[in-house]
Structures are given as structure tokens and as C-alpha cells.
Amino acid sequence: MRVKAVSVMVACLIGVLTGCGGNSQIADRPARRQTREVSRAVELTRRAVAIAGTDPAQAERLLLEAVAADPFNGDARNNLGVVLLGSGRLFDAAVSFEAARKLIPHHPDPRLNLGLTFERAGRIDDAIAAYEDAIEVRSDHVPSMQALAMCMIRHARSDTRTNALLREIAIRGETESWRSWATNVLLKHDGESRAPARE
């Protein structure tokens, strides 16, 4: 139930509710607990994902409701970030992806999306680090491989890993166009490396 971001500043963290102590009168009171409406948040997120491509404003409203219903729903926060990124609100998107990254630490999507946000903001080193983080979380995550390889080539940051990524994408790319792109880049690099040196 995740929306994929298609293209790419955060030093800010989402605050979390913490308990306070120290005053015995406060400590003796029953703790107020926020009611988590987990199933409602899941349903709102599902509905938002279904309309995000056609009605992003309504999708944003539904996702904000989902976050209010369950502040610990990482999917809702990730998808909210995708909608915000789509509307060009990079800072807000990055904050949402950062929160999702913490809530679903074993999923690469928030990291990938954070990388896309950084890249769109022109923070290329941060984008590369976010893509690498996504691959570290899940080494077989092809969308993160694709984003990292494309970023490295687009911004002339290719290194020893680039050809390994391209070889993997040429075999396992998500679409035929990704596989063809990786193959063509590999062939170009191979042709350049075999060309005789000019004097």
C-alpha cells in the first residue's frame, strides 16, 4: 500500500510525545493515553493511495487524518511525504519521510523517497547517502539501486559501485526501459574503456 515517488532537506525531526515526571502529584495521576485508531488509519491510508494520482489534495487530507488517528503509522507518513513531494513541498515531504524512516526502520521506501527529495533539492551527497541507506536496509531493493545509479551518473559521481549497480539493473530492472538503460550505459562505459588512448 505504498505510493511510489517518481523523481527528489531535512535536519528536522518529528517530535514524539514523552511523559514527564518529577512532581509527585503529577506522577500520582492516571496517565493520559492517546487512543490509537490503528484500523482507521490503515483504511484512510488505503483510500488515500487509491486516489493520490487523481486527487492529491484529498489524498493529503486523508493521510493527515490517518496520521492523527495513529501517529505511529509509518505507511501513512511515507505516503503523505509522497503527496507532499509531488506538490513540491520538499521540506514537509522530507520531515514526513524522516518520521516514516523511524517508524518503519526495516523498510527501504522512506529512505528511497528521502533520497529523491534530497536530489530534487540539489543535495546530491545527502541523496546518495539516503539511497545507500535504503540498499543497506534491503540489499535487493531494485528501485533504490536504480535511483542510486541514475543519481551517480546524472551528477557525475560514478565510482566503482556504479557498474555493479548497472549490471544488477540490466538483469533485474523494474521495467524493460530500466533494463535497456542500464545495458546501454554499460555498453557505453565498456566502449570508452576499450578505446585506445589518444596522444
C-alpha atoms as a PDB file:
ATOM      1  CA  MET A   1       0.000   0.000   0.000  1.00  0.00           C
ATOM      2  CA  ARG A   2       2.748   2.452  -0.854  1.00  0.00           C
ATOM      3  CA  VAL A   3       2.733   5.175  -3.465  1.00  0.00           C
ATOM      4  CA  LYS A   4       5.952   5.325  -5.466  1.00  0.00           C
ATOM      5  CA  ALA A   5       7.645   8.682  -5.858  1.00  0.00           C
ATOM      6  CA  VAL A   6       8.799   9.410  -9.387  1.00  0.00           C
ATOM      7  CA  SER A   7      11.578  11.995  -9.062  1.00  0.00           C
ATOM      8  CA  VAL A   8      13.802  14.236  -5.491  1.00  0.00           C
ATOM      9  CA  MET A   9      16.434  18.733   3.173  1.00  0.00           C
ATOM     10  CA  VAL A  10      15.830  17.540   6.325  1.00  0.00           C
ATOM     11  CA  ALA A  11      17.581  18.319   9.578  1.00  0.00           C
ATOM     12  CA  CYS A  12      14.298  18.413  11.417  1.00  0.00           C
ATOM     13  CA  LEU A  13      12.782  15.595  13.389  1.00  0.00           C
ATOM     14  CA  ILE A  14       9.141  14.932  14.230  1.00  0.00           C
ATOM     15  CA  GLY A  15       8.613  15.375  17.946  1.00  0.00           C
ATOM     16  CA  VAL A  16       7.246  12.450  19.881  1.00  0.00           C
ATOM     17  CA  LEU A  17       5.072  12.570  22.927  1.00  0.00           C
ATOM     18  CA  THR A  18       7.073  11.904  26.066  1.00  0.00           C
ATOM     19  CA  GLY A  19       5.968  11.528  29.644  1.00  0.00           C
ATOM     20  CA  CYS A  20       7.073  13.963  32.335  1.00  0.00           C
ATOM     21  CA  GLY A  21       7.924  13.145  35.902  1.00  0.00           C
ATOM     22  CA  GLY A  22       9.349  14.870  38.931  1.00  0.00           C
ATOM     23  CA  ASN A  23       6.210  16.206  40.599  1.00  0.00           C
ATOM     24  CA  SER A  24       4.678  13.545  42.858  1.00  0.00           C
ATOM     25  CA  GLN A  25       1.173  14.954  42.371  1.00  0.00           C
ATOM     26  CA  ILE A  26       1.525  14.620  38.607  1.00  0.00           C
ATOM     27  CA  ALA A  27       3.075  11.173  38.958  1.00  0.00           C
ATOM     28  CA  ASP A  28       0.101  10.015  41.090  1.00  0.00           C
ATOM     29  CA  ARG A  29      -2.433  10.988  38.417  1.00  0.00           C
ATOM     30  CA  PRO A  30      -3.529   8.319  35.966  1.00  0.00           C
ATOM     31  CA  ALA A  31      -1.537   8.605  32.757  1.00  0.00           C
ATOM     32  CA  ARG A  32      -3.438  10.067  29.814  1.00  0.00           C
ATOM     33  CA  ARG A  33      -3.049   7.835  26.834  1.00  0.00           C
ATOM     34  CA  GLN A  34      -3.704   8.807  23.297  1.00  0.00           C
ATOM     35  CA  THR A  35      -6.099   6.369  21.714  1.00  0.00           C
ATOM     36  CA  ARG A  36      -4.607   4.846  18.591  1.00  0.00           C
ATOM     37  CA  GLU A  37      -7.137   4.089  15.902  1.00  0.00           C
ATOM     38  CA  VAL A  38      -4.946   1.642  14.023  1.00  0.00           C
ATOM     39  CA  SER A  39      -7.545   0.117  11.709  1.00  0.00           C
ATOM     40  CA  ARG A  40      -8.998   3.546  10.858  1.00  0.00           C
ATOM     41  CA  ALA A  41      -5.538   4.816   9.948  1.00  0.00           C
ATOM     42  CA  VAL A  42      -4.943   1.792   7.713  1.00  0.00           C
ATOM     43  CA  GLU A  43      -8.265   2.308   5.931  1.00  0.00           C
ATOM     44  CA  LEU A  44      -7.670   6.049   5.459  1.00  0.00           C
ATOM     45  CA  THR A  45      -4.211   5.314   4.054  1.00  0.00           C
ATOM     46  CA  ARG A  46      -5.643   2.733   1.667  1.00  0.00           C
ATOM     47  CA  ARG A  47      -8.239   5.217   0.410  1.00  0.00           C
ATOM     48  CA  ALA A  48      -5.615   7.946   0.012  1.00  0.00           C
ATOM     49  CA  VAL A  49      -3.286   5.716  -2.007  1.00  0.00           C
ATOM     50  CA  ALA A  50      -6.170   4.827  -4.339  1.00  0.00           C
ATOM     51  CA  ILE A  51      -6.794   8.495  -5.254  1.00  0.00           C
ATOM     52  CA  ALA A  52      -3.334  10.044  -4.872  1.00  0.00           C
ATOM     53  CA  GLY A  53      -2.745  10.173  -8.620  1.00  0.00           C
ATOM     54  CA  THR A  54      -6.065  11.813  -9.431  1.00  0.00           C
ATOM     55  CA  ASP A  55      -6.869  13.908  -6.343  1.00  0.00           C
ATOM     56  CA  PRO A  56      -3.694  14.677  -4.380  1.00  0.00           C
ATOM     57  CA  ALA A  57      -5.387  17.355  -2.240  1.00  0.00           C
ATOM     58  CA  GLN A  58      -7.982  14.866  -0.971  1.00  0.00           C
ATOM     59  CA  ALA A  59      -5.281  12.209  -0.562  1.00  0.00           C
ATOM     60  CA  GLU A  60      -3.309  14.639   1.623  1.00  0.00           C
ATOM     61  CA  ARG A  61      -6.390  15.292   3.779  1.00  0.00           C
ATOM     62  CA  LEU A  62      -6.997  11.563   4.226  1.00  0.00           C
ATOM     63  CA  LEU A  63      -3.348  10.935   5.103  1.00  0.00           C
ATOM     64  CA  LEU A  64      -3.352  13.756   7.654  1.00  0.00           C
ATOM     65  CA  GLU A  65      -6.432  12.121   9.199  1.00  0.00           C
ATOM     66  CA  ALA A  66      -4.623   8.777   9.198  1.00  0.00           C
ATOM     67  CA  VAL A  67      -1.615  10.284  10.981  1.00  0.00           C
ATOM     68  CA  ALA A  68      -3.932  11.898  13.531  1.00  0.00           C
ATOM     69  CA  ALA A  69      -5.714   8.565  14.049  1.00  0.00           C
ATOM     70  CA  ASP A  70      -2.431   6.687  14.506  1.00  0.00           C
ATOM     71  CA  PRO A  71       0.723   8.815  14.838  1.00  0.00           C
ATOM     72  CA  PHE A  72       2.816   5.625  14.648  1.00  0.00           C
ATOM     73  CA  ASN A  73       1.592   4.562  11.200  1.00  0.00           C
ATOM     74  CA  GLY A  74       4.748   4.670   9.073  1.00  0.00           C
ATOM     75  CA  ASP A  75       2.915   3.889   5.830  1.00  0.00           C
ATOM     76  CA  ALA A  76       0.635   6.913   6.288  1.00  0.00           C
ATOM     77  CA  ARG A  77       3.631   9.172   6.933  1.00  0.00           C
ATOM     78  CA  ASN A  78       5.552   7.768   3.949  1.00  0.00           C
ATOM     79  CA  ASN A  79       2.586   8.234   1.619  1.00  0.00           C
ATOM     80  CA  LEU A  80       1.940  11.726   2.984  1.00  0.00           C
ATOM     81  CA  GLY A  81       5.541  12.521   2.097  1.00  0.00           C
ATOM     82  CA  VAL A  82       4.996  11.251  -1.454  1.00  0.00           C
ATOM     83  CA  VAL A  83       1.967  13.523  -1.878  1.00  0.00           C
ATOM     84  CA  LEU A  84       3.870  16.489  -0.437  1.00  0.00           C
ATOM     85  CA  LEU A  85       6.854  15.770  -2.694  1.00  0.00           C
ATOM     86  CA  GLY A  86       4.527  15.649  -5.676  1.00  0.00           C
ATOM     87  CA  SER A  87       3.276  19.142  -4.832  1.00  0.00           C
ATOM     88  CA  GLY A  88       6.842  20.473  -4.495  1.00  0.00           C
ATOM     89  CA  ARG A  89       6.767  20.899  -0.705  1.00  0.00           C
ATOM     90  CA  LEU A  90      10.234  19.471  -0.225  1.00  0.00           C
ATOM     91  CA  PHE A  91      10.823  20.379   3.405  1.00  0.00           C
ATOM     92  CA  ASP A  92       7.449  18.996   4.550  1.00  0.00           C
ATOM     93  CA  ALA A  93       7.982  15.865   2.464  1.00  0.00           C
ATOM     94  CA  ALA A  94      11.436  15.331   3.992  1.00  0.00           C
ATOM     95  CA  VAL A  95      10.039  15.696   7.517  1.00  0.00           C
ATOM     96  CA  SER A  96       7.353  13.116   6.732  1.00  0.00           C
ATOM     97  CA  PHE A  97       9.858  10.659   5.195  1.00  0.00           C
ATOM     98  CA  GLU A  98      12.192  11.081   8.174  1.00  0.00           C
ATOM     99  CA  ALA A  99       9.322  10.234  10.538  1.00  0.00           C
ATOM    100  CA  ALA A 100       8.376   7.216   8.413  1.00  0.00           C
ATOM    101  CA  ARG A 101      12.020   6.064   8.355  1.00  0.00           C
ATOM    102  CA  LYS A 102      11.992   5.919  12.144  1.00  0.00           C
ATOM    103  CA  LEU A 103       8.601   4.222  12.374  1.00  0.00           C
ATOM    104  CA  ILE A 104       9.319   1.515   9.784  1.00  0.00           C
ATOM    105  CA  PRO A 105      13.095   1.115  10.165  1.00  0.00           C
ATOM    106  CA  HIS A 106      13.340  -2.107   8.161  1.00  0.00           C
ATOM    107  CA  HIS A 107      11.634  -0.764   5.033  1.00  0.00           C
ATOM    108  CA  PRO A 108      13.594   0.971   2.264  1.00  0.00           C
ATOM    109  CA  ASP A 109      10.768   3.136   0.828  1.00  0.00           C
ATOM    110  CA  PRO A 110      11.062   6.111   3.234  1.00  0.00           C
ATOM    111  CA  ARG A 111      14.839   6.182   2.676  1.00  0.00           C
ATOM    112  CA  LEU A 112      14.443   5.989  -1.092  1.00  0.00           C
ATOM    113  CA  ASN A 113      11.853   8.768  -1.013  1.00  0.00           C
ATOM    114  CA  LEU A 114      14.049  10.881   1.246  1.00  0.00           C
ATOM    115  CA  GLY A 115      16.833  10.447  -1.307  1.00  0.00           C
ATOM    116  CA  LEU A 116      14.516  11.591  -4.097  1.00  0.00           C
ATOM    117  CA  THR A 117      13.649  14.649  -2.018  1.00  0.00           C
ATOM    118  CA  PHE A 118      17.294  15.484  -1.358  1.00  0.00           C
ATOM    119  CA  GLU A 119      18.130  15.038  -5.016  1.00  0.00           C
ATOM    120  CA  ARG A 120      15.341  17.356  -6.096  1.00  0.00           C
ATOM    121  CA  ALA A 121      16.625  19.901  -3.557  1.00  0.00           C
ATOM    122  CA  GLY A 122      20.115  19.694  -5.071  1.00  0.00           C
ATOM    123  CA  ARG A 123      21.651  17.975  -2.037  1.00  0.00           C
ATOM    124  CA  ILE A 124      23.342  15.245  -4.033  1.00  0.00           C
ATOM    125  CA  ASP A 125      25.662  13.864  -1.327  1.00  0.00           C
ATOM    126  CA  ASP A 126      22.675  13.525   1.024  1.00  0.00           C
ATOM    127  CA  ALA A 127      20.632  11.885  -1.735  1.00  0.00           C
ATOM    128  CA  ILE A 128      23.369   9.325  -2.410  1.00  0.00           C
ATOM    129  CA  ALA A 129      23.645   8.597   1.324  1.00  0.00           C
ATOM    130  CA  ALA A 130      19.862   8.077   1.579  1.00  0.00           C
ATOM    131  CA  TYR A 131      19.829   5.715  -1.415  1.00  0.00           C
ATOM    132  CA  GLU A 132      22.752   3.774   0.064  1.00  0.00           C
ATOM    133  CA  ASP A 133      20.878   3.586   3.367  1.00  0.00           C
ATOM    134  CA  ALA A 134      17.849   2.134   1.561  1.00  0.00           C
ATOM    135  CA  ILE A 135      20.047  -0.523  -0.057  1.00  0.00           C
ATOM    136  CA  GLU A 136      21.664  -1.281   3.297  1.00  0.00           C
ATOM    137  CA  VAL A 137      18.210  -1.928   4.753  1.00  0.00           C
ATOM    138  CA  ARG A 138      17.291  -4.203   1.838  1.00  0.00           C
ATOM    139  CA  SER A 139      20.164  -5.202  -0.407  1.00  0.00           C
ATOM    140  CA  ASP A 140      17.859  -6.500  -3.164  1.00  0.00           C
ATOM    141  CA  HIS A 141      15.704  -3.344  -3.413  1.00  0.00           C
ATOM    142  CA  VAL A 142      15.846  -2.641  -7.140  1.00  0.00           C
ATOM    143  CA  PRO A 143      14.138   0.803  -7.047  1.00  0.00           C
ATOM    144  CA  SER A 144      16.853   2.046  -4.683  1.00  0.00           C
ATOM    145  CA  MET A 145      19.564   0.592  -6.924  1.00  0.00           C
ATOM    146  CA  GLN A 146      18.014   2.343  -9.906  1.00  0.00           C
ATOM    147  CA  ALA A 147      17.775   5.671  -8.072  1.00  0.00           C
ATOM    148  CA  LEU A 148      21.370   5.448  -6.824  1.00  0.00           C
ATOM    149  CA  ALA A 149      22.821   4.510 -10.201  1.00  0.00           C
ATOM    150  CA  MET A 150      20.838   7.210 -12.016  1.00  0.00           C
ATOM    151  CA  CYS A 151      21.839   9.836  -9.449  1.00  0.00           C
ATOM    152  CA  MET A 152      25.521   8.898  -9.650  1.00  0.00           C
ATOM    153  CA  ILE A 153      25.544   9.042 -13.437  1.00  0.00           C
ATOM    154  CA  ARG A 154      23.373  12.149 -13.738  1.00  0.00           C
ATOM    155  CA  HIS A 155      25.577  14.108 -11.338  1.00  0.00           C
ATOM    156  CA  ALA A 156      28.955  12.703 -12.487  1.00  0.00           C
ATOM    157  CA  ARG A 157      29.509  10.830  -9.201  1.00  0.00           C
ATOM    158  CA  SER A 158      30.163   7.397 -10.715  1.00  0.00           C
ATOM    159  CA  ASP A 159      32.574   5.195  -8.800  1.00  0.00           C
ATOM    160  CA  THR A 160      33.497   1.536  -8.526  1.00  0.00           C
ATOM    161  CA  ARG A 161      29.961   0.601  -7.403  1.00  0.00           C
ATOM    162  CA  THR A 162      28.239   2.120 -10.415  1.00  0.00           C
ATOM    163  CA  ASN A 163      28.953  -0.690 -12.886  1.00  0.00           C
ATOM    164  CA  ALA A 164      27.889  -3.316 -10.327  1.00  0.00           C
ATOM    165  CA  LEU A 165      24.592  -1.479  -9.864  1.00  0.00           C
ATOM    166  CA  LEU A 166      24.135  -1.176 -13.627  1.00  0.00           C
ATOM    167  CA  ARG A 167      24.761  -4.900 -14.129  1.00  0.00           C
ATOM    168  CA  GLU A 168      22.136  -5.711 -11.494  1.00  0.00           C
ATOM    169  CA  ILE A 169      19.623  -3.300 -13.058  1.00  0.00           C
ATOM    170  CA  ALA A 170      20.280  -4.706 -16.543  1.00  0.00           C
ATOM    171  CA  ILE A 171      19.097  -8.097 -15.247  1.00  0.00           C
ATOM    172  CA  ARG A 172      16.521  -7.182 -12.600  1.00  0.00           C
ATOM    173  CA  GLY A 173      15.343  -3.677 -13.507  1.00  0.00           C
ATOM    174  CA  GLU A 174      11.695  -2.968 -12.748  1.00  0.00           C
ATOM    175  CA  THR A 175      10.813  -2.314 -16.386  1.00  0.00           C
ATOM    176  CA  GLU A 176      12.229  -3.013 -19.814  1.00  0.00           C
ATOM    177  CA  SER A 177      13.179   0.655 -20.123  1.00  0.00           C
ATOM    178  CA  TRP A 178      15.272   0.451 -16.926  1.00  0.00           C
ATOM    179  CA  ARG A 179      16.951  -2.744 -18.134  1.00  0.00           C
ATOM    180  CA  SER A 180      17.695  -1.181 -21.530  1.00  0.00           C
ATOM    181  CA  TRP A 181      19.017   1.999 -19.949  1.00  0.00           C
ATOM    182  CA  ALA A 182      21.423   0.066 -17.725  1.00  0.00           C
ATOM    183  CA  THR A 183      22.578  -2.122 -20.618  1.00  0.00           C
ATOM    184  CA  ASN A 184      23.218   0.894 -22.851  1.00  0.00           C
ATOM    185  CA  VAL A 185      25.163   2.737 -20.149  1.00  0.00           C
ATOM    186  CA  LEU A 186      27.262  -0.375 -19.507  1.00  0.00           C
ATOM    187  CA  LEU A 187      27.991  -0.750 -23.221  1.00  0.00           C
ATOM    188  CA  LYS A 188      28.959   2.915 -23.448  1.00  0.00           C
ATOM    189  CA  HIS A 189      31.277   2.612 -20.440  1.00  0.00           C
ATOM    190  CA  ASP A 190      32.769  -0.589 -21.838  1.00  0.00           C
ATOM    191  CA  GLY A 191      33.357   1.052 -25.228  1.00  0.00           C
ATOM    192  CA  GLU A 192      35.029   4.051 -23.591  1.00  0.00           C
ATOM    193  CA  SER A 193      37.285   1.844 -21.503  1.00  0.00           C
ATOM    194  CA  ARG A 194      38.408  -0.118 -24.577  1.00  0.00           C
ATOM    195  CA  ALA A 195      39.049   2.929 -26.760  1.00  0.00           C
ATOM    196  CA  PRO A 196      42.741   3.473 -27.452  1.00  0.00           C
ATOM    197  CA  ALA A 197      44.336   6.363 -25.652  1.00  0.00           C
ATOM    198  CA  ARG A 198      44.949   9.445 -27.778  1.00  0.00           C
ATOM    199  CA  GLU A 199      48.280  11.215 -27.831  1.00  0.00           C
END
